[in-house]
Amino acid sequence: MKFAIPLAEGKLAVHFGHCREFAIIEVEDNQIKNKEVHTPPPHEPGVLPKWLHEMGAEVIIAGGMGQMAVGLFQQNGIQVVLGAPSMEPEAVVKGYLEDSLAIGDNLCDH
């Protein structure tokens, strides 16, 4: 399974659309096997969901995103997890896998 985490200064970005990098974290048997950091293409509606799908992402964990973006990710077969705190990407994925990640409200109100 591959997770996409939008990054700002090495930690989860509050809003995925404003990030300059994405961590793609590969998990096997509930263990992190690989982490790669990629620069995304320019942000336009529909570009990031398609790009992350092509990268093999199955889950995106972010602080927040608009409803249109949520729908576009879902259309690309990517599960959306919102309300995550700004932490190191490995800690975010580990918390998700252990069902201990503190998930709050969508931090994006549009």
C-alpha atoms as a PDB file:
ATOM      1  CA  MET A   1       0.000   0.000   0.000  1.00  0.00           C
ATOM      2  CA  LYS A   2       1.239   3.490  -0.819  1.00  0.00           C
ATOM      3  CA  PHE A   3       0.417   6.648   1.108  1.00  0.00           C
ATOM      4  CA  ALA A   4       0.729  10.213  -0.183  1.00  0.00           C
ATOM      5  CA  ILE A   5       1.542  12.908   2.371  1.00  0.00           C
ATOM      6  CA  PRO A   6       1.678  16.570   1.271  1.00  0.00           C
ATOM      7  CA  LEU A   7       4.740  18.235   2.809  1.00  0.00           C
ATOM      8  CA  ALA A   8       5.678  21.713   3.987  1.00  0.00           C
ATOM      9  CA  GLU A   9       9.125  22.005   5.569  1.00  0.00           C
ATOM     10  CA  GLY A  10       9.344  18.234   5.947  1.00  0.00           C
ATOM     11  CA  LYS A  11       6.045  17.818   7.812  1.00  0.00           C
ATOM     12  CA  LEU A  12       2.448  17.218   6.761  1.00  0.00           C
ATOM     13  CA  ALA A  13       1.106  20.358   5.062  1.00  0.00           C
ATOM     14  CA  VAL A  14      -2.171  21.663   6.400  1.00  0.00           C
ATOM     15  CA  HIS A  15      -3.605  22.023   2.873  1.00  0.00           C
ATOM     16  CA  PHE A  16      -2.454  19.637   0.165  1.00  0.00           C
ATOM     17  CA  GLY A  17      -2.812  22.209  -2.625  1.00  0.00           C
ATOM     18  CA  HIS A  18      -0.190  24.509  -1.134  1.00  0.00           C
ATOM     19  CA  CYS A  19       2.548  21.937  -0.639  1.00  0.00           C
ATOM     20  CA  ARG A  20       5.808  21.932  -2.570  1.00  0.00           C
ATOM     21  CA  GLU A  21       6.543  18.220  -2.095  1.00  0.00           C
ATOM     22  CA  PHE A  22       4.775  14.925  -1.517  1.00  0.00           C
ATOM     23  CA  ALA A  23       6.145  12.015   0.474  1.00  0.00           C
ATOM     24  CA  ILE A  24       5.161   8.691  -1.070  1.00  0.00           C
ATOM     25  CA  ILE A  25       5.447   6.073   1.644  1.00  0.00           C
ATOM     26  CA  GLU A  26       5.239   2.393   0.783  1.00  0.00           C
ATOM     27  CA  VAL A  27       3.967  -0.008   3.442  1.00  0.00           C
ATOM     28  CA  GLU A  28       4.118  -3.806   3.516  1.00  0.00           C
ATOM     29  CA  ASP A  29       2.832  -5.916   6.407  1.00  0.00           C
ATOM     30  CA  ASN A  30       2.093  -2.726   8.382  1.00  0.00           C
ATOM     31  CA  GLN A  31       5.766  -1.688   8.177  1.00  0.00           C
ATOM     32  CA  ILE A  32       7.194   1.285   6.290  1.00  0.00           C
ATOM     33  CA  LYS A  33       9.391  -0.143   3.520  1.00  0.00           C
ATOM     34  CA  ASN A  34      10.221   2.922   1.452  1.00  0.00           C
ATOM     35  CA  LYS A  35       9.854   6.698   1.395  1.00  0.00           C
ATOM     36  CA  GLU A  36      10.369   8.930  -1.621  1.00  0.00           C
ATOM     37  CA  VAL A  37       9.868  12.681  -1.839  1.00  0.00           C
ATOM     38  CA  HIS A  38       8.626  14.104  -5.133  1.00  0.00           C
ATOM     39  CA  THR A  39       7.926  17.594  -6.443  1.00  0.00           C
ATOM     40  CA  PRO A  40       4.382  17.702  -7.834  1.00  0.00           C
ATOM     41  CA  PRO A  41       3.340  19.233 -11.143  1.00  0.00           C
ATOM     42  CA  PRO A  42       1.837  22.756 -11.006  1.00  0.00           C
ATOM     43  CA  HIS A  43      -1.381  22.807  -8.978  1.00  0.00           C
ATOM     44  CA  GLU A  44      -4.478  22.906 -11.163  1.00  0.00           C
ATOM     45  CA  PRO A  45      -7.836  21.196 -10.542  1.00  0.00           C
ATOM     46  CA  GLY A  46      -7.567  17.466 -11.195  1.00  0.00           C
ATOM     47  CA  VAL A  47      -3.793  17.365 -11.780  1.00  0.00           C
ATOM     48  CA  LEU A  48      -2.627  16.163  -8.351  1.00  0.00           C
ATOM     49  CA  PRO A  49      -5.151  13.312  -7.971  1.00  0.00           C
ATOM     50  CA  LYS A  50      -4.198  11.936 -11.405  1.00  0.00           C
ATOM     51  CA  TRP A  51      -0.451  12.369 -10.739  1.00  0.00           C
ATOM     52  CA  LEU A  52      -0.658  10.675  -7.319  1.00  0.00           C
ATOM     53  CA  HIS A  53      -2.722   7.837  -8.813  1.00  0.00           C
ATOM     54  CA  GLU A  54       0.014   7.341 -11.422  1.00  0.00           C
ATOM     55  CA  MET A  55       2.560   7.252  -8.557  1.00  0.00           C
ATOM     56  CA  GLY A  56       0.577   4.355  -7.060  1.00  0.00           C
ATOM     57  CA  ALA A  57      -0.890   6.222  -4.087  1.00  0.00           C
ATOM     58  CA  GLU A  58      -3.891   4.509  -2.516  1.00  0.00           C
ATOM     59  CA  VAL A  59      -4.415   6.833   0.470  1.00  0.00           C
ATOM     60  CA  ILE A  60      -3.765  10.558   0.882  1.00  0.00           C
ATOM     61  CA  ILE A  61      -3.526  11.926   4.401  1.00  0.00           C
ATOM     62  CA  ALA A  62      -3.818  15.714   4.691  1.00  0.00           C
ATOM     63  CA  GLY A  63      -4.898  18.424   7.055  1.00  0.00           C
ATOM     64  CA  GLY A  64      -7.581  19.602   4.705  1.00  0.00           C
ATOM     65  CA  MET A  65      -8.819  20.026   1.167  1.00  0.00           C
ATOM     66  CA  GLY A  66     -11.885  21.273  -0.648  1.00  0.00           C
ATOM     67  CA  GLN A  67     -14.807  19.004  -1.456  1.00  0.00           C
ATOM     68  CA  MET A  68     -14.081  19.134  -5.192  1.00  0.00           C
ATOM     69  CA  ALA A  69     -10.571  17.814  -4.541  1.00  0.00           C
ATOM     70  CA  VAL A  70     -11.916  15.051  -2.284  1.00  0.00           C
ATOM     71  CA  GLY A  71     -14.203  13.941  -5.105  1.00  0.00           C
ATOM     72  CA  LEU A  72     -11.374  13.982  -7.653  1.00  0.00           C
ATOM     73  CA  PHE A  73      -9.169  11.832  -5.410  1.00  0.00           C
ATOM     74  CA  GLN A  74     -12.010   9.372  -4.892  1.00  0.00           C
ATOM     75  CA  GLN A  75     -12.601   9.208  -8.671  1.00  0.00           C
ATOM     76  CA  ASN A  76      -8.928   8.247  -9.009  1.00  0.00           C
ATOM     77  CA  GLY A  77      -9.322   5.418  -6.476  1.00  0.00           C
ATOM     78  CA  ILE A  78      -7.501   7.228  -3.664  1.00  0.00           C
ATOM     79  CA  GLN A  79      -8.920   7.152  -0.133  1.00  0.00           C
ATOM     80  CA  VAL A  80      -8.892  10.589   1.530  1.00  0.00           C
ATOM     81  CA  VAL A  81      -8.081  11.048   5.233  1.00  0.00           C
ATOM     82  CA  LEU A  82      -8.468  14.631   6.484  1.00  0.00           C
ATOM     83  CA  GLY A  83      -7.843  16.521   9.708  1.00  0.00           C
ATOM     84  CA  ALA A  84      -4.377  15.058  10.320  1.00  0.00           C
ATOM     85  CA  PRO A  85      -1.841  17.028  12.376  1.00  0.00           C
ATOM     86  CA  SER A  86       1.373  18.496  10.988  1.00  0.00           C
ATOM     87  CA  MET A  87       3.927  15.798  11.838  1.00  0.00           C
ATOM     88  CA  GLU A  88       6.754  13.927  10.132  1.00  0.00           C
ATOM     89  CA  PRO A  89       5.270  11.816   7.300  1.00  0.00           C
ATOM     90  CA  GLU A  90       6.518   8.543   8.774  1.00  0.00           C
ATOM     91  CA  ALA A  91       4.802   9.367  12.078  1.00  0.00           C
ATOM     92  CA  VAL A  92       1.573  10.188  10.225  1.00  0.00           C
ATOM     93  CA  VAL A  93       1.553   6.847   8.397  1.00  0.00           C
ATOM     94  CA  LYS A  94       2.574   4.914  11.504  1.00  0.00           C
ATOM     95  CA  GLY A  95      -0.247   6.551  13.474  1.00  0.00           C
ATOM     96  CA  TYR A  96      -2.718   5.702  10.712  1.00  0.00           C
ATOM     97  CA  LEU A  97      -1.585   2.067  10.622  1.00  0.00           C
ATOM     98  CA  GLU A  98      -1.813   1.775  14.415  1.00  0.00           C
ATOM     99  CA  ASP A  99      -5.218   3.520  14.438  1.00  0.00           C
ATOM    100  CA  SER A 100      -3.756   6.135  16.792  1.00  0.00           C
ATOM    101  CA  LEU A 101      -3.545   9.120  14.410  1.00  0.00           C
ATOM    102  CA  ALA A 102      -5.443  12.065  15.853  1.00  0.00           C
ATOM    103  CA  ILE A 103      -7.864  12.951  13.063  1.00  0.00           C
ATOM    104  CA  GLY A 104      -9.896  16.121  13.441  1.00  0.00           C
ATOM    105  CA  ASP A 105     -12.052  18.234  11.193  1.00  0.00           C
ATOM    106  CA  ASN A 106     -11.190  19.088   7.618  1.00  0.00           C
ATOM    107  CA  LEU A 107      -8.832  22.037   8.059  1.00  0.00           C
ATOM    108  CA  CYS A 108      -9.960  23.549   4.769  1.00  0.00           C
ATOM    109  CA  ASP A 109     -13.294  25.325   4.760  1.00  0.00           C
ATOM    110  CA  HIS A 110     -13.767  25.640   0.997  1.00  0.00           C
END
